[in-house]
């Protein structure tokens, strides 16, 4: 590590210029070393692919520390009491659990979230994507984000969960408000919106769960209820899902199941418009290139730029000791552009086959919805290539303000 290097000189997640294009800063971080302390958030930035991939699997780290320590023992302040509804919802989802609770919840979720269940959704996803694109083309274009990227994954995960169609407009605002808390140093306004959304979303999901108990269906909520009923009793050591874990799991599947896909879609098309040779190649041979293009677009401009881990036991990175109680910021966007792993990483190559990107994370927290996300991304990409072969930008896109979950406010297109 370059002792004279100041990470804050290049890493500036509150800067619109940095958010618009963080990749030059990532290159500087990688050149300067394997780990850098970032004083504004008291985190350690990890920019290299090999380190990020290894640390995602390292059990000396955790998404939470409360399975081993109190806040006081870990040297961290407890969240403010007024944030409690957000933390109750967030902290019981498997993304923020560690073993043994994570093992139990993920096993039961996976039981209801089988490859057969996901594959059964493929015709619905493809038909929905085709219809959304058909309507966009009929209007001569519009906002690709609002017309295709957002409604597709929201409808798909809602269909999977068995959310009535009339209620689906509620979901995206709740999700956006909750996900604001995953940014670095969220303010009190952001926290207040997330708390309110957590309360409303939790209350709504409890009504859905109650309705499915009365009348089970062929949906994921009914599957989770079956797991709840069949697997023994007792929260905190029992084998089944508690109702709070069911609520948190449904909220997580919605939030993670569409926030990333929305941003992967708009980021991907923005990249294709900026690389017309690659868009032309994809249009010329979509049947062969769509599968590799989906992976490359996820790598090239990943929607999830940073993933955090708590240090549960002292670790060492490149001679630097990171003590227990510290927090790591694993830079997915940087790892996906590491020249030690990817040939010409700054170039978009829709035919790239050697592509071990980590946009879906790794280890025990690898994205359970990755197969569904791939189906959604391939479906919308295929429909747009087929129905809008001359799709083009109508205006320079507006970048959203967030860095951790990074995307565009809108992507205006013409056909």
Protein backbone atom coordinates (compact mmCIF):
# COMPACT_ATOMS: atom_id res chain seq x y z
CA UNK A 1 0.00 0.00 0.00
CA UNK A 2 1.23 3.48 -0.90
CA UNK A 3 1.53 5.13 2.53
CA UNK A 4 1.31 8.61 1.01
CA UNK A 5 -1.85 7.85 -0.95
CA UNK A 6 -5.08 9.47 0.29
CA UNK A 7 -8.13 7.51 -0.86
CA UNK A 8 -10.37 10.54 -0.36
CA UNK A 9 -8.38 12.35 -3.06
CA UNK A 10 -9.92 10.08 -5.72
CA UNK A 11 -12.83 8.24 -4.08
CA UNK A 12 -15.69 10.75 -3.83
CA UNK A 13 -19.08 8.97 -3.76
CA UNK A 14 -20.97 12.19 -2.95
CA UNK A 15 -19.62 13.88 -6.09
CA UNK A 16 -21.87 13.79 -9.19
CA UNK A 17 -18.77 13.69 -11.39
CA UNK A 18 -17.46 10.63 -9.56
CA UNK A 19 -20.84 8.88 -9.64
CA UNK A 20 -21.09 9.56 -13.37
CA UNK A 21 -17.82 7.69 -14.00
CA UNK A 22 -16.04 6.09 -11.02
CA UNK A 23 -13.82 3.84 -13.13
CA UNK A 24 -10.77 6.12 -13.48
CA UNK A 25 -10.74 6.52 -9.69
CA UNK A 26 -10.95 2.74 -9.29
CA UNK A 27 -7.89 2.35 -11.52
CA UNK A 28 -5.99 4.77 -9.30
CA UNK A 29 -7.06 2.86 -6.17
CA UNK A 30 -5.89 -0.44 -7.66
CA UNK A 31 -2.55 1.07 -8.69
CA UNK A 32 -1.98 2.49 -5.19
CA UNK A 33 -2.50 -0.77 -3.32
CA UNK A 34 -4.83 -3.52 -2.18
CA UNK A 35 -6.56 -1.72 0.70
CA UNK A 36 -7.05 1.93 1.62
CA UNK A 37 -8.58 3.60 4.66
CA UNK A 38 -11.33 6.03 3.71
CA UNK A 39 -11.68 8.52 6.54
CA UNK A 40 -15.06 10.12 5.66
CA UNK A 41 -16.90 6.85 6.40
CA UNK A 42 -14.16 5.12 8.46
CA UNK A 43 -14.14 2.19 6.04
CA UNK A 44 -11.42 0.21 4.30
CA UNK A 45 -11.73 0.23 0.50
CA UNK A 46 -10.83 -3.02 -1.28
CA UNK A 47 -10.47 -2.51 -5.06
CA UNK A 48 -8.90 -5.72 -6.45
CA UNK A 49 -10.90 -8.65 -7.85
CA UNK A 50 -8.89 -11.37 -6.10
CA UNK A 51 -9.29 -9.72 -2.69
CA UNK A 52 -12.98 -8.92 -3.14
CA UNK A 53 -13.76 -12.46 -4.30
CA UNK A 54 -11.81 -14.00 -1.41
CA UNK A 55 -13.24 -11.69 1.25
CA UNK A 56 -16.82 -12.39 0.16
CA UNK A 57 -16.11 -16.01 1.15
CA UNK A 58 -14.12 -15.23 4.33
CA UNK A 59 -16.07 -16.19 7.47
CA UNK A 60 -13.99 -13.80 9.55
CA UNK A 61 -16.24 -11.17 7.99
CA UNK A 62 -19.97 -10.76 8.26
CA UNK A 63 -22.91 -8.76 7.01
CA UNK A 64 -23.81 -8.40 10.68
CA UNK A 65 -21.91 -8.79 13.93
CA UNK A 66 -24.88 -9.21 16.24
CA UNK A 67 -24.73 -13.02 16.09
CA UNK A 68 -21.43 -12.74 18.00
CA UNK A 69 -21.24 -9.35 19.71
CA UNK A 70 -23.39 -6.63 21.19
CA UNK A 71 -23.03 -3.16 19.75
CA UNK A 72 -20.99 -2.16 22.78
CA UNK A 73 -18.66 -5.17 22.55
CA UNK A 74 -18.07 -4.41 18.89
CA UNK A 75 -17.37 -0.75 19.54
CA UNK A 76 -20.34 0.48 17.53
CA UNK A 77 -23.30 2.60 18.53
CA UNK A 78 -26.74 1.03 18.35
CA UNK A 79 -29.02 2.46 15.63
CA UNK A 80 -31.31 5.27 16.79
CA UNK A 81 -34.57 3.91 18.26
CA UNK A 82 -36.61 5.81 15.68
CA UNK A 83 -34.97 3.71 12.93
CA UNK A 84 -36.21 0.46 14.49
CA UNK A 85 -38.89 -0.38 11.83
CA UNK A 86 -36.26 -0.30 9.08
CA UNK A 87 -33.81 -2.47 11.04
CA UNK A 88 -36.48 -4.98 12.02
CA UNK A 89 -37.38 -5.43 8.38
CA UNK A 90 -33.81 -5.33 7.07
CA UNK A 91 -32.02 -7.34 9.74
CA UNK A 92 -34.30 -10.40 9.49
CA UNK A 93 -33.67 -10.84 5.78
CA UNK A 94 -31.09 -13.40 4.75
CA UNK A 95 -28.85 -10.76 3.14
CA UNK A 96 -28.09 -9.38 6.62
CA UNK A 97 -28.05 -12.65 8.55
CA UNK A 98 -25.09 -14.87 9.32
CA UNK A 99 -24.92 -18.56 10.21
CA UNK A 100 -26.68 -20.35 11.72
CA UNK A 101 -29.72 -18.13 11.07
CA UNK A 102 -28.68 -17.42 7.48
CA UNK A 103 -28.18 -21.12 6.75
CA UNK A 104 -31.67 -21.95 8.04
CA UNK A 105 -33.45 -19.10 6.23
CA UNK A 106 -31.63 -19.54 2.92
CA UNK A 107 -32.30 -23.27 2.89
CA UNK A 108 -36.01 -22.71 3.38
CA UNK A 109 -36.15 -19.86 0.85
CA UNK A 110 -34.28 -21.94 -1.71
CA UNK A 111 -36.79 -24.72 -1.14
CA UNK A 112 -39.52 -22.38 -2.37
CA UNK A 113 -37.24 -20.60 -4.91
CA UNK A 114 -36.30 -23.62 -6.99
CA UNK A 115 -34.87 -23.61 -10.54
CA UNK A 116 -38.16 -25.18 -11.67
CA UNK A 117 -40.11 -22.27 -10.17
CA UNK A 118 -37.85 -19.75 -11.89
CA UNK A 119 -37.88 -21.55 -15.24
CA UNK A 120 -41.67 -21.72 -15.14
CA UNK A 121 -41.66 -17.92 -15.19
CA UNK A 122 -39.68 -17.70 -18.45
CA UNK A 123 -42.70 -17.56 -20.83
CA UNK A 124 -44.35 -14.93 -18.63
CA UNK A 125 -41.15 -12.84 -18.52
CA UNK A 126 -40.65 -13.03 -22.28
CA UNK A 127 -44.29 -12.21 -23.05
CA UNK A 128 -44.26 -9.28 -20.63
CA UNK A 129 -40.99 -7.92 -22.02
CA UNK A 130 -42.31 -8.20 -25.57
CA UNK A 131 -45.50 -6.35 -24.66
CA UNK A 132 -43.67 -3.53 -22.90
CA UNK A 133 -41.33 -3.06 -25.85
CA UNK A 134 -44.22 -3.26 -28.34
CA UNK A 135 -45.95 -0.41 -26.53
CA UNK A 136 -42.75 1.64 -26.43
CA UNK A 137 -42.29 1.18 -30.18
CA UNK A 138 -45.93 2.06 -30.88
CA UNK A 139 -45.36 5.40 -29.15
CA UNK A 140 -42.19 6.10 -31.14
CA UNK A 141 -40.00 5.77 -28.03
CA UNK A 142 -39.96 7.29 -24.59
CA UNK A 143 -38.20 6.66 -21.29
CA UNK A 144 -36.71 3.18 -21.46
CA UNK A 145 -36.28 3.19 -17.68
CA UNK A 146 -39.94 3.92 -16.89
CA UNK A 147 -41.45 2.01 -19.82
CA UNK A 148 -39.41 -1.23 -19.81
CA UNK A 149 -36.62 -1.43 -17.22
CA UNK A 150 -38.79 -0.72 -14.16
CA UNK A 151 -42.12 -2.44 -14.89
CA UNK A 152 -40.62 -5.74 -16.06
CA UNK A 153 -38.78 -6.89 -12.90
CA UNK A 154 -41.42 -5.35 -10.60
CA UNK A 155 -44.14 -7.35 -12.35
CA UNK A 156 -42.04 -10.52 -12.40
CA UNK A 157 -41.13 -10.56 -8.71
CA UNK A 158 -44.68 -9.53 -7.81
CA UNK A 159 -46.00 -12.42 -9.91
CA UNK A 160 -43.60 -14.77 -8.20
CA UNK A 161 -44.69 -13.57 -4.76
CA UNK A 162 -48.36 -13.61 -5.74
CA UNK A 163 -48.90 -9.86 -5.24
CA UNK A 164 -52.21 -8.76 -6.80
CA UNK A 165 -51.73 -6.68 -9.93
CA UNK A 166 -53.70 -3.76 -8.50
CA UNK A 167 -51.23 -3.46 -5.59
CA UNK A 168 -48.04 -3.51 -7.66
CA UNK A 169 -47.70 0.27 -8.08
CA UNK A 170 -47.05 0.41 -4.31
CA UNK A 171 -43.96 -1.73 -4.51
CA UNK A 172 -41.41 0.37 -6.39
CA UNK A 173 -41.75 3.48 -4.15
CA UNK A 174 -41.42 1.37 -1.00
CA UNK A 175 -38.36 -0.37 -2.43
CA UNK A 176 -36.68 2.86 -3.55
CA UNK A 177 -37.20 4.44 -0.11
CA UNK A 178 -35.80 1.42 1.74
CA UNK A 179 -32.80 1.05 -0.57
CA UNK A 180 -31.82 4.65 0.15
CA UNK A 181 -30.48 3.37 3.46
CA UNK A 182 -27.85 1.28 1.68
CA UNK A 183 -26.01 4.36 0.48
CA UNK A 184 -22.97 5.67 2.36
CA UNK A 185 -23.90 7.93 5.29
CA UNK A 186 -27.63 8.30 4.54
CA UNK A 187 -29.17 11.44 6.04
CA UNK A 188 -32.11 11.73 8.39
CA UNK A 189 -34.54 12.52 5.57
CA UNK A 190 -33.50 9.31 3.83
CA UNK A 191 -33.86 7.39 7.11
CA UNK A 192 -37.33 8.84 7.75
CA UNK A 193 -38.52 7.78 4.29
CA UNK A 194 -37.05 4.29 4.78
CA UNK A 195 -38.71 3.90 8.20
CA UNK A 196 -42.09 4.95 6.84
CA UNK A 197 -41.76 2.62 3.84
CA UNK A 198 -40.65 -0.26 6.11
CA UNK A 199 -43.72 0.17 8.30
CA UNK A 200 -46.11 0.33 5.35
CA UNK A 201 -44.44 -2.48 3.42
CA UNK A 202 -44.33 -4.77 6.48
CA UNK A 203 -47.99 -4.17 7.26
CA UNK A 204 -48.94 -4.86 3.65
CA UNK A 205 -46.91 -8.10 3.49
CA UNK A 206 -48.54 -9.35 6.68
CA UNK A 207 -51.94 -8.97 5.01
CA UNK A 208 -50.67 -10.93 1.99
CA UNK A 209 -49.32 -13.69 4.24
CA UNK A 210 -52.62 -13.86 6.15
CA UNK A 211 -54.56 -14.15 2.89
CA UNK A 212 -52.30 -16.97 1.65
CA UNK A 213 -52.72 -18.84 4.90
CA UNK A 214 -56.46 -18.80 4.30
CA UNK A 215 -56.16 -19.64 0.62
CA UNK A 216 -52.75 -20.96 -0.50
CA UNK A 217 -51.73 -20.53 -4.12
CA UNK A 218 -48.93 -21.53 -6.45
CA UNK A 219 -46.63 -18.66 -5.44
CA UNK A 220 -43.56 -18.01 -3.36
CA UNK A 221 -45.43 -16.61 -0.34
CA UNK A 222 -47.48 -19.81 -0.17
CA UNK A 223 -44.27 -21.80 -0.46
CA UNK A 224 -42.72 -19.88 2.42
CA UNK A 225 -45.83 -20.47 4.52
CA UNK A 226 -45.56 -24.18 3.77
CA UNK A 227 -41.93 -24.11 4.92
CA UNK A 228 -43.06 -22.20 8.02
CA UNK A 229 -45.70 -24.83 8.80
CA UNK A 230 -43.78 -28.02 8.01
CA UNK A 231 -40.31 -27.49 9.48
CA UNK A 232 -40.74 -27.58 13.24
CA UNK A 233 -41.25 -24.67 15.60
CA UNK A 234 -39.52 -21.77 17.18
CA UNK A 235 -37.63 -18.67 16.11
CA UNK A 236 -33.98 -18.45 17.08
CA UNK A 237 -32.88 -22.05 16.73
CA UNK A 238 -35.95 -23.74 15.27
CA UNK A 239 -35.93 -24.91 11.68
CA UNK A 240 -38.84 -22.90 10.35
CA UNK A 241 -39.24 -19.34 9.17
CA UNK A 242 -40.78 -16.97 11.65
CA UNK A 243 -43.41 -14.59 10.31
CA UNK A 244 -40.95 -11.69 10.60
CA UNK A 245 -38.43 -13.66 8.57
CA UNK A 246 -41.12 -14.29 5.95
CA UNK A 247 -41.96 -10.58 5.82
CA UNK A 248 -38.28 -9.62 5.60
CA UNK A 249 -37.57 -12.28 2.99
CA UNK A 250 -40.41 -11.08 0.75
CA UNK A 251 -39.24 -7.47 1.09
CA UNK A 252 -35.64 -8.48 0.31
CA UNK A 253 -36.68 -10.49 -2.75
CA UNK A 254 -38.62 -7.51 -4.04
CA UNK A 255 -35.90 -4.96 -3.33
CA UNK A 256 -32.96 -7.04 -4.52
CA UNK A 257 -35.04 -8.70 -7.23
CA UNK A 258 -35.76 -5.56 -9.14
CA UNK A 259 -33.53 -2.67 -8.03
CA UNK A 260 -30.46 -4.34 -9.51
CA UNK A 261 -32.26 -5.47 -12.67
CA UNK A 262 -33.70 -2.02 -13.36
CA UNK A 263 -30.28 -0.43 -13.12
CA UNK A 264 -28.53 -3.24 -15.00
CA UNK A 265 -30.95 -2.68 -17.89
CA UNK A 266 -30.49 1.08 -18.19
CA UNK A 267 -26.75 0.97 -17.47
CA UNK A 268 -26.43 -1.76 -20.09
CA UNK A 269 -28.27 0.12 -22.82
CA UNK A 270 -26.37 3.30 -22.00
CA UNK A 271 -23.15 1.33 -22.50
CA UNK A 272 -24.37 -0.11 -25.80
CA UNK A 273 -25.30 3.33 -27.12
CA UNK A 274 -21.80 4.54 -26.24
CA UNK A 275 -20.27 1.55 -28.07
CA UNK A 276 -22.10 1.41 -31.40
CA UNK A 277 -19.80 -1.28 -32.80
CA UNK A 278 -20.84 -3.64 -29.99
CA UNK A 279 -24.52 -2.77 -30.43
CA UNK A 280 -24.17 -3.47 -34.17
CA UNK A 281 -22.55 -6.85 -33.45
CA UNK A 282 -25.33 -7.74 -31.03
CA UNK A 283 -28.02 -6.75 -33.53
CA UNK A 284 -26.33 -8.85 -36.22
CA UNK A 285 -26.21 -12.05 -34.14
CA UNK A 286 -28.53 -11.81 -31.11
CA UNK A 287 -29.11 -15.55 -30.79
CA UNK A 288 -25.43 -16.20 -30.18
CA UNK A 289 -24.47 -13.03 -28.34
CA UNK A 290 -27.33 -12.26 -25.93
CA UNK A 291 -26.10 -14.72 -23.25
CA UNK A 292 -22.56 -13.32 -23.23
CA UNK A 293 -23.84 -9.74 -23.62
CA UNK A 294 -25.93 -10.07 -20.44
CA UNK A 295 -22.84 -11.11 -18.47
CA UNK A 296 -20.67 -8.41 -20.05
CA UNK A 297 -23.17 -5.63 -19.41
CA UNK A 298 -23.40 -6.73 -15.77
CA UNK A 299 -19.59 -6.59 -15.58
CA UNK A 300 -19.00 -3.41 -17.51
CA UNK A 301 -21.25 -1.13 -15.44
CA UNK A 302 -22.57 -3.13 -12.52
CA UNK A 303 -25.62 -1.71 -10.72
CA UNK A 304 -24.19 -2.63 -7.28
CA UNK A 305 -20.89 -0.79 -6.93
CA UNK A 306 -20.05 -1.49 -3.29
CA UNK A 307 -20.86 -4.18 -0.74
CA UNK A 308 -20.00 -3.84 2.94
CA UNK A 309 -18.66 -6.39 5.43
CA UNK A 310 -17.88 -6.13 9.14
CA UNK A 311 -14.54 -7.47 10.37
CA UNK A 312 -15.40 -10.02 13.07
CA UNK A 313 -11.81 -11.13 13.69
CA UNK A 314 -8.58 -9.31 12.81
CA UNK A 315 -7.50 -9.84 9.21
CA UNK A 316 -4.44 -8.81 7.24
CA UNK A 317 -4.44 -7.48 3.68
CA UNK A 318 -1.10 -6.85 2.01
CA UNK A 319 0.66 -6.35 5.35
CA UNK A 320 -2.03 -4.04 6.76
CA UNK A 321 -3.88 -5.33 9.81
CA UNK A 322 -7.60 -4.55 9.71
CA UNK A 323 -8.83 -4.89 13.32
CA UNK A 324 -12.05 -6.39 14.56
CA UNK A 325 -14.82 -3.80 14.55
CA UNK A 326 -13.73 -2.27 11.24
CA UNK A 327 -15.88 -2.15 8.14
CA UNK A 328 -14.75 -3.12 4.65
CA UNK A 329 -16.17 -1.57 1.49
CA UNK A 330 -15.71 -4.18 -1.24
CA UNK A 331 -15.67 -2.32 -4.56
CA UNK A 332 -17.52 -4.53 -7.04
CA UNK A 333 -17.23 -1.96 -9.83
CA UNK A 334 -13.47 -1.83 -9.43
CA UNK A 335 -13.11 -5.61 -9.15
CA UNK A 336 -15.05 -6.03 -12.40
CA UNK A 337 -12.51 -3.77 -14.17
CA UNK A 338 -9.37 -5.36 -12.74
CA UNK A 339 -6.86 -5.95 -15.57
CA UNK A 340 -5.36 -8.80 -13.58
CA UNK A 341 -8.54 -10.77 -14.35
CA UNK A 342 -10.14 -9.20 -17.43
CA UNK A 343 -8.46 -8.59 -20.77
CA UNK A 344 -8.95 -4.94 -21.79
CA UNK A 345 -11.44 -4.36 -18.95
CA UNK A 346 -12.29 -0.80 -20.01
CA UNK A 347 -13.58 -2.10 -23.35
CA UNK A 348 -17.12 -3.40 -23.78
CA UNK A 349 -17.03 -6.81 -25.50
CA UNK A 350 -20.44 -8.46 -25.86
CA UNK A 351 -18.73 -11.67 -27.02
CA UNK A 352 -16.51 -11.90 -23.89
CA UNK A 353 -16.55 -15.48 -22.63
CA UNK A 354 -13.97 -15.50 -19.83
CA UNK A 355 -16.04 -13.30 -17.54
CA UNK A 356 -15.87 -14.10 -13.81
CA UNK A 357 -17.60 -10.88 -12.75
CA UNK A 358 -18.86 -10.64 -9.19
CA UNK A 359 -21.96 -8.54 -9.79
CA UNK A 360 -24.07 -11.23 -8.10
CA UNK A 361 -21.65 -11.38 -5.12
CA UNK A 362 -20.10 -14.69 -3.96
CA UNK A 363 -19.99 -17.04 -1.01
CA UNK A 364 -23.00 -17.70 1.20
CA UNK A 365 -24.60 -14.40 0.16
CA UNK A 366 -24.46 -15.13 -3.59
CA UNK A 367 -27.64 -13.74 -5.13
CA UNK A 368 -30.39 -16.37 -4.91
CA UNK A 369 -32.23 -14.54 -7.69
CA UNK A 370 -29.35 -14.53 -10.20
CA UNK A 371 -31.01 -17.05 -12.59
CA UNK A 372 -34.21 -14.96 -12.65
CA UNK A 373 -32.25 -11.74 -13.24
CA UNK A 374 -30.50 -13.33 -16.21
CA UNK A 375 -33.84 -14.39 -17.71
CA UNK A 376 -35.24 -10.86 -17.28
CA UNK A 377 -32.19 -9.14 -18.76
CA UNK A 378 -32.07 -11.52 -21.73
CA UNK A 379 -35.82 -11.12 -22.34
CA UNK A 380 -35.81 -7.32 -22.40
CA UNK A 381 -32.59 -7.20 -24.43
CA UNK A 382 -33.97 -9.65 -26.98
CA UNK A 383 -37.32 -7.86 -27.29
CA UNK A 384 -35.65 -4.47 -27.83
CA UNK A 385 -33.25 -5.86 -30.43
CA UNK A 386 -36.11 -7.57 -32.26
CA UNK A 387 -38.82 -4.90 -32.14
CA UNK A 388 -36.64 -1.77 -32.16
CA UNK A 389 -33.69 -2.55 -34.46
CA UNK A 390 -32.89 1.17 -34.85
CA UNK A 391 -33.26 2.12 -31.19
CA UNK A 392 -31.19 5.21 -30.41
CA UNK A 393 -30.72 7.83 -27.71
CA UNK A 394 -33.07 10.80 -27.87
CA UNK A 395 -31.25 12.83 -25.20
CA UNK A 396 -28.23 12.55 -22.94
CA UNK A 397 -29.38 10.44 -19.97
CA UNK A 398 -29.66 11.83 -16.46
CA UNK A 399 -27.60 9.96 -13.86
CA UNK A 400 -29.24 9.16 -10.54
CA UNK A 401 -27.60 10.55 -7.39
CA UNK A 402 -26.86 7.22 -5.72
CA UNK A 403 -23.49 5.50 -5.84
CA UNK A 404 -23.91 2.14 -4.08
CA UNK A 405 -26.96 1.19 -6.17
CA UNK A 406 -26.05 3.12 -9.30
CA UNK A 407 -28.23 3.82 -12.31
CA UNK A 408 -29.98 6.45 -14.41
CA UNK A 409 -32.98 8.63 -13.63
CA UNK A 410 -34.19 8.20 -17.20
CA UNK A 411 -33.03 6.92 -20.57
CA UNK A 412 -34.93 8.66 -23.36
CA UNK A 413 -34.92 6.73 -26.65
CA UNK A 414 -36.33 6.92 -30.17
CA UNK A 415 -37.17 4.02 -32.45
